[in-house]
Protein backbone atom coordinates (compact mmCIF):
# COMPACT_ATOMS: atom_id res chain seq x y z
CA MET A 1 58.67 145.54 47.69
CA SER A 2 54.70 145.36 47.59
CA ALA A 3 52.92 147.77 44.83
CA VAL A 4 49.63 148.82 46.24
CA GLY A 5 46.60 149.19 43.40
CA LYS A 6 43.72 150.65 43.29
CA MET A 7 41.21 148.40 41.46
CA PRO A 8 36.82 149.40 40.89
CA LEU A 9 34.35 147.16 42.01
CA THR A 10 30.98 146.34 41.45
CA LYS A 11 28.06 145.36 44.46
CA ILE A 12 26.10 142.25 44.09
CA GLU A 13 23.41 141.86 46.29
CA ILE A 14 21.89 139.22 46.47
CA SER A 15 18.69 138.76 48.84
CA GLU A 16 16.72 135.27 49.36
CA GLY A 17 13.67 136.59 52.33
CA ARG A 18 15.40 138.51 54.95
CA ARG A 19 19.37 137.40 54.18
CA ARG A 20 20.81 138.97 52.01
CA LYS A 21 25.04 138.72 50.62
CA LEU A 22 26.63 141.37 50.19
CA TYR A 23 29.75 141.29 47.40
CA LEU A 24 32.14 143.07 46.09
CA VAL A 25 34.00 141.69 42.88
CA SER A 26 35.96 143.13 40.02
CA ARG A 27 34.28 145.45 37.01
CA GLU A 28 34.75 141.73 34.75
CA ALA A 29 33.58 139.72 37.36
CA GLY A 30 30.76 141.46 37.78
CA HIS A 31 30.05 141.56 34.08
CA ALA A 32 30.25 138.12 33.61
CA VAL A 33 27.48 138.09 36.68
CA SER A 34 25.76 140.02 34.91
CA THR A 35 25.64 138.18 31.52
CA LEU A 36 24.57 134.52 33.26
CA LEU A 37 21.94 135.91 34.79
CA GLU A 38 20.12 138.22 31.38
CA GLY A 39 19.39 134.22 30.19
CA PHE A 40 17.53 133.33 33.29
CA ARG A 41 15.11 136.75 33.39
CA GLY A 42 11.59 135.99 34.54
CA ARG A 43 8.57 136.98 37.20
CA SER A 44 7.44 136.17 40.15
CA GLU A 45 4.00 134.68 40.73
CA GLU A 46 3.19 138.11 41.97
CA GLY A 47 4.25 139.27 38.31
CA GLN A 48 8.02 140.89 39.97
CA ASP A 49 10.54 141.86 37.93
CA GLY A 50 13.89 139.62 38.72
CA TRP A 51 12.67 136.64 39.82
CA ILE A 52 13.72 133.38 38.14
CA ASP A 53 11.91 130.26 38.97
CA VAL A 54 13.67 127.61 40.50
CA SER A 55 12.60 125.22 37.82
CA ALA A 56 14.22 126.70 34.80
CA LEU A 57 17.50 126.94 36.92
CA TYR A 58 17.23 123.58 38.35
CA PRO A 59 14.88 121.02 35.94
CA ASP A 60 16.01 117.91 37.07
CA LEU A 61 14.34 118.74 40.51
CA LYS A 62 10.78 117.52 38.60
CA ASP A 63 12.92 114.39 38.57
CA PRO A 64 12.40 112.63 41.73
CA VAL A 65 15.99 110.67 41.52
CA LYS A 66 17.77 113.31 40.27
CA ARG A 67 16.03 115.87 42.47
CA ALA A 68 17.05 114.23 45.12
CA ALA A 69 20.63 114.38 43.46
CA THR A 70 20.31 117.91 43.28
CA VAL A 71 19.14 118.24 47.07
CA PHE A 72 22.39 116.16 48.17
CA HIS A 73 24.71 118.18 45.99
CA GLY A 74 23.09 121.87 46.90
CA ILE A 75 23.43 120.80 50.81
CA ARG A 76 26.55 119.54 50.04
CA LEU A 77 28.15 122.48 49.10
CA ARG A 78 26.49 124.89 51.97
CA HIS A 79 28.45 122.61 54.03
CA GLY A 80 31.72 123.55 51.93
CA LEU A 81 32.72 119.57 51.90
CA THR A 82 34.51 118.23 49.04
CA GLN A 83 32.97 114.94 47.36
CA LYS A 84 35.45 113.06 49.91
CA GLU A 85 35.00 115.05 52.95
CA MET A 86 31.31 114.07 52.65
CA GLY A 87 32.33 109.87 51.82
CA LYS A 88 34.46 109.98 54.92
CA LYS A 89 31.37 111.85 57.06
CA LEU A 90 28.19 109.33 55.38
CA GLY A 91 30.72 106.15 55.47
CA LEU A 92 30.96 106.21 51.07
CA HIS A 93 33.42 105.92 48.85
CA GLN A 94 34.21 109.30 46.77
CA THR A 95 32.71 107.90 43.74
CA ASP A 96 29.90 106.93 45.53
CA VAL A 97 28.94 111.02 46.36
CA SER A 98 29.92 111.70 42.58
CA LYS A 99 27.35 108.94 41.45
CA ILE A 100 24.65 109.71 44.39
CA GLU A 101 24.69 114.09 42.64
CA LYS A 102 25.04 112.57 38.94
CA GLY A 103 21.52 109.99 39.42
CA GLU A 104 23.34 107.18 39.26
CA ARG A 105 22.46 105.97 42.87
CA ARG A 106 19.84 105.96 44.35
CA ILE A 107 19.45 107.44 48.09
CA GLY A 108 17.38 104.53 50.22
CA ARG A 109 15.98 105.04 53.57
CA ASN A 110 18.86 104.31 55.35
CA LEU A 111 21.28 106.46 53.77
CA ALA A 112 18.88 109.55 54.50
CA VAL A 113 19.01 108.71 57.49
CA ARG A 114 22.70 108.95 57.81
CA ILE A 115 23.23 111.97 55.58
CA GLY A 116 20.84 113.40 58.27
CA LYS A 117 22.39 112.13 61.36
CA ALA A 118 25.43 113.66 59.85
CA LEU A 119 24.24 117.12 58.81
CA GLY A 120 21.98 117.92 61.26
CA ILE A 121 18.76 117.89 58.44
CA ASP A 122 15.65 116.13 57.80
CA TYR A 123 16.46 113.06 55.96
CA ARG A 124 12.96 113.03 54.16
CA ARG A 125 14.44 115.59 52.38
CA PHE A 126 15.93 112.82 50.12
CA LEU A 127 12.83 110.73 49.82
C-alpha cells in the first residue's frame, strides 16, 4: 500500500543571460538556499541588486594555476562526470584529476589539448 501526500514547494529561478532554470524544492531546501545566498548579496557594475561578483564565489580565479583548476572542475561538473570518468576520458588516474582540481598539478599544453578534444571545448581555457 502506498500513501500520497502533498508537500509545500518553493520556486527558485536562476537566470543566466537569456537562459532560465526553474527549480521546485521543499520549503526547507528553499530556506537553506536563501540562507546560503544571504552572504553573497552584491551589486552589479550597473548597480542592480541581486548580482554577485564571481570573485566573491571563486576567489581562486585571480591565481592563474587555481583559475585553471577551477575551470577544469566546473567543466567536469557541467558534463556530469565523476573524477574517475573524467580521468578515463583523458587517460588519467582519478588521483591526477583530483590534484588538477586542487591546483596541485598544472595543466600543460598537451593535457589542455587532450581535454579540449575529449570534451569539445577550446583548450586555451586552461592556459
